Structure formats: structure tokens, C-alpha cells
Amino acid sequence: MLLSRLIFDNVHILQSQIGRRQTYRWYQMIDSPHLLAGNGYLNQLIQFEDLYKACCLVPDFYPAISNAITVDRLDIVEYLWQIMTSMQHQQQLNSNNVNNNNYYYNSYNYHKFEIDVLFFRASRLGRFDIIKYFCSLADEKWSFYTAMVESIFSENLELLKYLAGKFELIGAKPYLEAKNNIFDTAAFVGNIGIIQWIDENWSIREKCYRTMYRKAVVAGHLHVLEYLVIQCSQLGLSSTRDLILLAIRKDRFDIFKLLVSSIGKNHFYSLKAIVEVSENGNLDLLKWINNNTTCTTDTSALDLAAKLGRLDIVRYLHLIELKERPFTQWILPRPMVISKQWSEGCTNHAFDSAIKIERLDIVNWLIANRSEGFSYKSLEYAAYNGSVELMKMLLRITTFEVTEAVMNLAVRNGRLELLKWLFENDNNSLKSILQESIDSAANNGSVDVISWLNDNTTLRNSQATIWKCMMTGKLEAVQWWLKKAAPEDDVPECIRGVIQTAARFGHIHILDWLFSNYQSIFSIDQEEFEHTMEIGDERTLRWILNKIGVPKYVTSINLEKYNTSRKTIIILKLFIKRNNINLLK
């Protein structure tokens, strides 16, 4: 046990520093049956059952069984299932004779849907032994057709055959049971062997080639499309065009060419095609469409390419436009009709969008090569992003001025460097900053902006503003306020207020810092403790119990009266039982 605790706690510390995946401390593990099941700790689960019964509690079986299925532990699934059915039976026997606050008897009555989801999960993961165990349970009636659909994802043909045999025995109708059918799912997964078996052994009435094509395109399975082309007659022209656009949208170049060749290049025409390519950014596909089809587009293509930062697409669209239009036509407000009007250029949305995504390279290219120009939104976008360089450039090449809206966008979004630059160049501009913008900065946790405004201007932050900033979970806000802004004659009371705020909003890192620096006056008010219990804040409750223990105001009487969540009352009762704590009456 001690070794497990050391391993889990040290792994948790290391992973927290790396930040790649969620890990747990040992005390979290032993209080959580779903974590024990997911890590294969059967012996600890058995001990856990005894502890739960001593506390008159029932664990949440569903996530525990689900995790056991994930790690393919049939022994844990069997153990948990037996306990669950036993406790539910006990609940039925005693439900009329117990107090409603007794969590042992108020266990979860699992709906058929929740039980079925476990069966479907085992099918999707290919857990054949677990599926056989579920099928051996006489009291359960399973949705075999949906399980068949799910089993295709495991690509386990033997499991699919087994479930199909079970389904045929009950004689149900597939379309009454599942949203997806096995043909569409098989096309999406892309296993030709499974598709062939279904073709040979399943009713053709469920088969719809059009939806199978779509599933194969979405998943990018060229081999499935080739198989379907051989197996079925050609789809209609309209359906094939829709599939071609879907292939463009999903950036499936090889599938796109196959589908276009199936109807002929001259039969494919769509204004949407170029726009879709501009969105996915595949330059090779764009060139192929230009060289092999008669597709044209409007200004939305270049606008969208600029919005998404596709400079290569922007350049190519512009280049084709110049090639297709003589220069004397291109500079006119509206170009003359020509043989192939492939592109209509762009609008000022392209310029504004490049500012919005802070792509200075696209901005410079557009300025050098296009004449549509910026709208006033570009200045607001620069303020929103806090880009000093873009703001300088816009003020230099346009007639725009810094307005109240621009200033408040910079403040609201915490753009300190931009504020400093604007202040250095025009300190009168700060007069337009509104209190609501400062409040917004506080809501975003922009401590540096609030501090700078407080130190360098006549603007002052109200206590409400500071509290808003601290509620975002910014430790710097707490440290700055206690150091510079808190009333000198009332610091202890301010610290207590910060403690309660951090506890209410579950800011563990702030609680850690406050506990380390103000341990002598650290306490959690009863109101905040009960709030933590009520909203089910497990992390904060565990922190309180491990740092300061069970508060004195938690008595054996009010313990049962808490308006609390099931998760937190379980954690509290287990902590009391494990540590042999005798509560006051």
C-alpha cells in the first residue's frame, strides 16, 4: 500500500509538470471504484466494498464496469456485476424500511439504456469474453443489432458473427433498434472482409449505396469506393456531385479524382468547389480543379483563404484572376465579361480577416497586390489582438483614428503592451476607458492591465473589480491585491475573504498558496464548506480534508442533513470512517 502511494503520488507530480495526461494521487485512487477498476486493482475493490458497506454507501457501478471493459478485465466485470445486482436486490427488499438519507439503500437503479451502453462498449472494443459473459446473464435482454453495428469498429469478424447469430434467434427488426445500419458502419470502418460477409449474409433491404459512399468518403477509404463501384451501378449525376464536394471538404484528393473521372470532367461544375478548397487549403487540389474542370468562383473564395491564413491559396487565386483578365479589365470597378471568369477577386473582408488572425505576411501581400483596402473593423481587430505592429501600420496607411471602442477593446482583452504604446503616443486616449471595460479585464484575469492602470493613470480599481479578477483563479491577482491594494487596517479579514472565495470557486492553487503563507489564520467557513458539498466539488473537498481535516462544525446530526451531492458525501463519509473520526452530536 505504501509503495503504491509513493508511485502514484510521484507519477502525479511528474505528469502535472509535463501536462500531457491526467493522473491521480493514491488517496484519489482508493476513493474511486472506477479508477481502481480501470487500473486493474481487484483486491482494493474488494476492500472498498467492505468499507462502503460499513458506511452504508453504494458505489457508482456504471463507470467502474465501463473502465473494466476498457482494460479487458473480465474478472473485475464479473465481480462488480455481482455486487451491483446483489445491492439492487437488497434495496428492493429494504426500500420501505429505511431512512431516505441512507445512501446504501438509495443506490442507482440503472436504466436499460445504461446497461445496454456497457454491452455496446464491449462490442466496439472487441471484448469477446465479456460479451459472452453478458449474454449468459439470464435476466438481461440485450440490443443485439446495435451491438453488431458497434462490433464492426473492433474489426473482429468472429464477434460480429456471434452477435448476428444471437440477433437472428430473437427475430427483431433492425430498423427499430439502431440509428446506423451495419452496411454504412462497415463502409466507414473500411474492412472489406466484413463488408463482403455482410453482403453475403445480411438482408439487402438495409443497404443504401448512396449512404455507404458518403461514409467511405468521410473516412477516406478509397479502396471501399473502388469496391462499391464494382458491386453497384453508378450513382446519379447529382448524388455524385454532392459526393465530390464532400471529398473536397474532407480533403480527399484521391477520392475526388476517382469520383470526377466516374462522371467525366466536363460534367463537374460547382461554385462551391473553389470555396471548399480555399477552406481546406489544398493547393494541389485547387490547381487540379483549375486545370481540369470548368469550375468558377466569386469573392468568397479569396476572402475565406485570407481569413484562414492560406497565403499560397490567396496568391494562386489572384494569379489565375490576372491570367484570365487583361490588366486593363482588372483595374475597372467591374470587369468585362470574358470567356472564363474564374475568380471575382476579393473584398475588404480579406484585408480585415488577415488583421484579425494577425497574419502580417498576408496583410503585406494584400497591400502590395490588391486595391480593396481595409474597413474600420481592422483597427478593432488589431486592438482585440493587442498587436502594436499592426496598429502602427493601420494608423500610418489609413485615415482611421483611435476611438473609444478601440481603447476599450484593448483594455477588455488585457492588451497591456498596446495600451502602453497608445499612452505614450496619446495619453488623452486613456480618458475614453470605461469602468465596464476594466471590469471585463478583471473577468478575464488581466492582472497586469489592472495593476498598470492603477499605477500610471488616475483610474482606480474598485474592490468589486479586484474580486472579479480573483474569481478567475489568477494567483497574481491575489498576491497583487494583498500587497498593494488591500486596506492596511483590515488585511486579516481580507485574507479570510480571499480564502472563502478561492474555496467557493475551487481554486486549489490559490488555497495552497494561502495555506502556506497564512496558516495561522486559515479556516474554511461553514457556508463555503456546505457549498463545496452541495455542488459536488470533489477536488476542493479532498483538499480541505487532507489539509485541515473534518471541520468542527460537521457533526453526526448535520452530516445527514446536508443538501449535498452523492459524490461528496461518499468522500466525506469514507474519510471519517478510514480515520476513525468520532463526530460531535
Foldseek 3Di string as FASTA:
>chain_A
DVVQQVVQVVVQVVCVVVVDDHGDGPLVQLLALLNCLLVVPPVSVVVSVVLCVVLLADHDLLSNLLSNLVVLPLVSNVVSVVVVVVQQVVLVVCVVPDDPLRNSNVDDPDDLVSVQVSLLSSLLQVSQVNNVVVVPDPVDDYLLQSSLLSNVNNVPVVSNVVSVVVCVVVPDDNVVRDPDGNLLSNLLSQDVVNNVVCVVPHDCVNDDLLSSLQSNLLNLHPVSVVVSPVVDPDDDLVSLLVSLQSNLLSVNQVVNVVSCVVVDQASHEDQCNLQSNLQVLDVVSNVCCVVRHLYAYEQNSLLNNLLNVNLVSNVVLLVVQCVQAPPVQVPDPAGDDGDRNRYHHHAQSSLLSNLLVVPVVSNVVCVVRHDRHHDPSSLQSCLLVLPQVSNVVCVVPDVDDDDLSSVLSNLLNLNVVSVVVCCVVPVVSVVSHDPVSLLSSLLVLNQVSQVCCCPPHPDHDDPVSLLNNVLNLDLVSVVCCLVPPDPPVCSLVVLQVSCLSCLQSVNVVNNVVSCVVPVVSDDYDPVSVLSCFAVVVPNSLVSCCVPPRDDLVDAPVCLSVRNGDSNSNSSNSSSCVVVVPHHHD
